[in-house]
C-alpha atoms as a PDB file:
ATOM      1  CA  MET A   1      44.150  -7.048 -42.491  1.00  0.00           C
ATOM      2  CA  LEU A   2      45.153  -6.591 -38.347  1.00  0.00           C
ATOM      3  CA  ASP A   3      42.413  -3.486 -38.328  1.00  0.00           C
ATOM      4  CA  VAL A   4      39.539  -5.819 -38.636  1.00  0.00           C
ATOM      5  CA  VAL A   5      40.973  -8.857 -35.727  1.00  0.00           C
ATOM      6  CA  ALA A   6      41.219  -5.717 -33.605  1.00  0.00           C
ATOM      7  CA  VAL A   7      37.778  -4.800 -34.558  1.00  0.00           C
ATOM      8  CA  VAL A   8      36.585  -7.896 -33.897  1.00  0.00           C
ATOM      9  CA  LEU A   9      38.133  -9.058 -30.355  1.00  0.00           C
ATOM     10  CA  ALA A  10      37.144  -4.822 -29.587  1.00  0.00           C
ATOM     11  CA  ALA A  11      33.975  -5.551 -30.237  1.00  0.00           C
ATOM     12  CA  LEU A  12      33.966  -9.467 -28.938  1.00  0.00           C
ATOM     13  CA  ALA A  13      35.347  -8.225 -25.242  1.00  0.00           C
ATOM     14  CA  CYS A  14      32.661  -5.758 -25.191  1.00  0.00           C
ATOM     15  CA  VAL A  15      30.145  -8.566 -25.682  1.00  0.00           C
ATOM     16  CA  LEU A  16      31.793 -10.834 -22.834  1.00  0.00           C
ATOM     17  CA  ALA A  17      32.135  -7.214 -20.812  1.00  0.00           C
ATOM     18  CA  GLY A  18      28.357  -7.353 -20.831  1.00  0.00           C
ATOM     19  CA  LEU A  19      27.134 -10.155 -20.310  1.00  0.00           C
ATOM     20  CA  ALA A  20      29.502 -10.502 -17.279  1.00  0.00           C
ATOM     21  CA  LEU A  21      27.697  -6.707 -15.852  1.00  0.00           C
ATOM     22  CA  ARG A  22      24.679  -8.742 -16.611  1.00  0.00           C
ATOM     23  CA  ARG A  23      25.308 -12.083 -14.251  1.00  0.00           C
ATOM     24  CA  THR A  24      27.295  -9.835 -11.836  1.00  0.00           C
ATOM     25  CA  THR A  25      23.917  -6.943 -11.185  1.00  0.00           C
ATOM     26  CA  SER A  26      21.300  -9.774 -11.885  1.00  0.00           C
ATOM     27  CA  ARG A  27      23.338 -11.720  -8.351  1.00  0.00           C
ATOM     28  CA  ARG A  28      23.282  -8.488  -6.630  1.00  0.00           C
ATOM     29  CA  THR A  29      19.863  -7.754  -7.610  1.00  0.00           C
ATOM     30  CA  GLY A  30      18.945 -11.085  -5.529  1.00  0.00           C
ATOM     31  CA  ASP A  31      21.179 -10.832  -2.393  1.00  0.00           C
ATOM     32  CA  ASP A  32      18.860  -7.338  -2.415  1.00  0.00           C
ATOM     33  CA  VAL A  33      15.488  -8.755  -2.887  1.00  0.00           C
ATOM     34  CA  ASP A  34      15.931 -12.551  -0.870  1.00  0.00           C
ATOM     35  CA  ALA A  35      17.348  -9.582   2.700  1.00  0.00           C
ATOM     36  CA  LEU A  36      14.062  -7.585   1.812  1.00  0.00           C
ATOM     37  CA  PRO A  37      11.710  -9.406   3.798  1.00  0.00           C
ATOM     38  CA  GLU A  38      14.462 -10.086   6.274  1.00  0.00           C
ATOM     39  CA  ASP A  39      14.580  -6.696   7.275  1.00  0.00           C
ATOM     40  CA  VAL A  40      11.505  -5.604   7.225  1.00  0.00           C
ATOM     41  CA  HIS A  41      10.381  -8.370   9.707  1.00  0.00           C
ATOM     42  CA  GLY A  42      12.996  -6.950  12.080  1.00  0.00           C
ATOM     43  CA  LEU A  43      12.608  -2.882  11.961  1.00  0.00           C
ATOM     44  CA  ARG A  44       8.281  -4.343  12.148  1.00  0.00           C
ATOM     45  CA  GLN A  45      10.033  -6.097  15.758  1.00  0.00           C
ATOM     46  CA  GLU A  46      11.968  -2.946  16.658  1.00  0.00           C
ATOM     47  CA  VAL A  47       8.532  -0.322  15.305  1.00  0.00           C
ATOM     48  CA  ALA A  48       6.062  -2.940  17.703  1.00  0.00           C
ATOM     49  CA  ALA A  49       8.516  -2.826  20.820  1.00  0.00           C
ATOM     50  CA  LEU A  50       8.996   1.635  20.120  1.00  0.00           C
ATOM     51  CA  LYS A  51       5.179   1.953  19.620  1.00  0.00           C
ATOM     52  CA  ALA A  52       4.400  -0.296  23.501  1.00  0.00           C
ATOM     53  CA  GLU A  53       7.454   0.862  25.089  1.00  0.00           C
ATOM     54  CA  ASN A  54       5.860   4.378  24.211  1.00  0.00           C
ATOM     55  CA  ARG A  55       2.976   3.467  25.527  1.00  0.00           C
ATOM     56  CA  ASP A  56       3.993   4.448  29.695  1.00  0.00           C
ATOM     57  CA  ALA A  57       5.788   7.320  28.426  1.00  0.00           C
ATOM     58  CA  LEU A  58       4.322   9.867  29.910  1.00  0.00           C
ATOM     59  CA  ARG A  59       2.876  12.344  26.366  1.00  0.00           C
ATOM     60  CA  HIS A  60      -0.476  13.692  26.472  1.00  0.00           C
ATOM     61  CA  LEU A  61      -0.827  16.985  28.639  1.00  0.00           C
ATOM     62  CA  SER A  62      -2.310  19.869  28.577  1.00  0.00           C
ATOM     63  CA  VAL A  63      -2.258  23.398  30.850  1.00  0.00           C
ATOM     64  CA  VAL A  64      -4.670  25.187  31.223  1.00  0.00           C
ATOM     65  CA  ARG A  65      -4.637  28.815  33.366  1.00  0.00           C
ATOM     66  CA  TYR A  66      -6.851  30.887  35.548  1.00  0.00           C
ATOM     67  CA  ASP A  67      -7.621  33.892  37.910  1.00  0.00           C
ATOM     68  CA  ALA A  68      -8.198  31.883  40.634  1.00  0.00           C
ATOM     69  CA  PHE A  69      -8.666  34.731  43.089  1.00  0.00           C
ATOM     70  CA  GLY A  70     -10.917  37.823  41.921  1.00  0.00           C
ATOM     71  CA  ASP A  71      -8.285  40.333  43.157  1.00  0.00           C
ATOM     72  CA  VAL A  72      -5.813  38.730  41.214  1.00  0.00           C
ATOM     73  CA  GLY A  73      -5.468  39.251  37.789  1.00  0.00           C
ATOM     74  CA  GLY A  74      -3.109  37.591  35.215  1.00  0.00           C
ATOM     75  CA  HIS A  75      -3.554  33.901  34.671  1.00  0.00           C
ATOM     76  CA  LEU A  76      -1.213  33.319  37.152  1.00  0.00           C
ATOM     77  CA  SER A  77      -2.199  30.556  38.628  1.00  0.00           C
ATOM     78  CA  TRP A  78      -2.442  26.705  36.446  1.00  0.00           C
ATOM     79  CA  SER A  79      -3.626  23.030  36.153  1.00  0.00           C
ATOM     80  CA  LEU A  80      -1.385  21.021  34.598  1.00  0.00           C
ATOM     81  CA  ALA A  81      -2.072  17.245  33.477  1.00  0.00           C
ATOM     82  CA  LEU A  82      -0.032  14.795  32.210  1.00  0.00           C
ATOM     83  CA  LEU A  83      -1.013  11.344  31.366  1.00  0.00           C
ATOM     84  CA  ASP A  84       0.165   8.482  28.971  1.00  0.00           C
ATOM     85  CA  ASP A  85      -2.039   6.787  26.454  1.00  0.00           C
ATOM     86  CA  ALA A  86      -4.027   4.390  29.513  1.00  0.00           C
ATOM     87  CA  GLY A  87      -5.079   8.115  31.552  1.00  0.00           C
ATOM     88  CA  HIS A  88      -2.596   7.427  34.149  1.00  0.00           C
ATOM     89  CA  GLY A  89      -0.224  10.334  35.362  1.00  0.00           C
ATOM     90  CA  VAL A  90      -0.218  13.316  37.207  1.00  0.00           C
ATOM     91  CA  VAL A  91      -2.643  16.955  37.535  1.00  0.00           C
ATOM     92  CA  LEU A  92      -0.182  19.566  38.978  1.00  0.00           C
ATOM     93  CA  THR A  93      -1.606  22.010  40.031  1.00  0.00           C
ATOM     94  CA  SER A  94      -0.027  26.532  40.602  1.00  0.00           C
ATOM     95  CA  ILE A  95      -2.802  28.084  43.121  1.00  0.00           C
ATOM     96  CA  HIS A  96      -1.134  32.165  43.433  1.00  0.00           C
ATOM     97  CA  GLY A  97      -2.815  34.427  45.683  1.00  0.00           C
ATOM     98  CA  ARG A  98      -1.846  37.759  46.482  1.00  0.00           C
ATOM     99  CA  SER A  99       0.993  36.912  49.362  1.00  0.00           C
ATOM    100  CA  GLU A 100       1.300  33.016  48.194  1.00  0.00           C
ATOM    101  CA  ALA A 101       1.170  30.254  46.128  1.00  0.00           C
ATOM    102  CA  ARG A 102       0.237  26.532  46.901  1.00  0.00           C
ATOM    103  CA  THR A 103       1.050  23.863  44.396  1.00  0.00           C
ATOM    104  CA  TYR A 104      -1.020  20.278  44.264  1.00  0.00           C
ATOM    105  CA  ALA A 105       0.229  16.499  42.430  1.00  0.00           C
ATOM    106  CA  LYS A 106      -3.114  14.366  42.208  1.00  0.00           C
ATOM    107  CA  SER A 107      -2.819  11.039  41.134  1.00  0.00           C
ATOM    108  CA  ILE A 108      -5.144   9.848  37.720  1.00  0.00           C
ATOM    109  CA  ALA A 109      -5.549   7.034  36.738  1.00  0.00           C
ATOM    110  CA  SER A 110      -8.200   5.536  33.767  1.00  0.00           C
ATOM    111  CA  TRP A 111      -8.838   9.530  33.287  1.00  0.00           C
ATOM    112  CA  SER A 112      -9.976  10.128  36.349  1.00  0.00           C
ATOM    113  CA  CYS A 113      -8.589  11.230  39.740  1.00  0.00           C
ATOM    114  CA  GLU A 114      -9.741   9.615  43.501  1.00  0.00           C
ATOM    115  CA  GLN A 115      -9.308  12.858  44.676  1.00  0.00           C
ATOM    116  CA  GLN A 116     -11.988  15.533  43.930  1.00  0.00           C
ATOM    117  CA  LEU A 117     -10.453  17.701  40.785  1.00  0.00           C
ATOM    118  CA  SER A 118     -11.419  21.574  40.482  1.00  0.00           C
ATOM    119  CA  PRO A 119     -13.337  22.130  37.242  1.00  0.00           C
ATOM    120  CA  GLU A 120      -9.275  23.188  36.285  1.00  0.00           C
ATOM    121  CA  GLU A 121      -8.252  20.325  36.457  1.00  0.00           C
ATOM    122  CA  ASP A 122     -11.055  18.364  34.398  1.00  0.00           C
ATOM    123  CA  GLU A 123     -10.367  20.827  31.683  1.00  0.00           C
ATOM    124  CA  ALA A 124      -6.859  20.151  31.659  1.00  0.00           C
ATOM    125  CA  ILE A 125      -7.435  16.107  31.842  1.00  0.00           C
ATOM    126  CA  GLU A 126     -10.225  16.677  29.597  1.00  0.00           C
ATOM    127  CA  HIS A 127      -8.175  17.978  26.851  1.00  0.00           C
ATOM    128  CA  ALA A 128      -4.926  16.092  27.382  1.00  0.00           C
ATOM    129  CA  ARG A 129      -7.334  13.342  25.800  1.00  0.00           C
ATOM    130  CA  PRO A 130      -6.145  11.904  22.512  1.00  0.00           C
END
């Protein structure tokens, strides 16, 4: 008789433990679901802020290497375009001759320049354009 009572009490304890676990799980799931939209909204705000910050970054770049003079080989001369999303930035050019090298910087605004650009500088800007 004592064995039967112990089995019944054990079964009742298992049922009560299962109900308690179900209630705890449903409460946690409810909290997570309520918190989710708040988390997603915060993440969206952070992504938007990072995108706005990234627009001004000089992240579009291109290098064009070439021989500036016929008597100097090896593509030692180069033009480098560094531009942001709006096409603002700089083109750096280094022209290597037999006895000297000269470096120039030209400001770029909206994918164009007030100064005359060399064909290689134009090519660097076009390759950097997204």
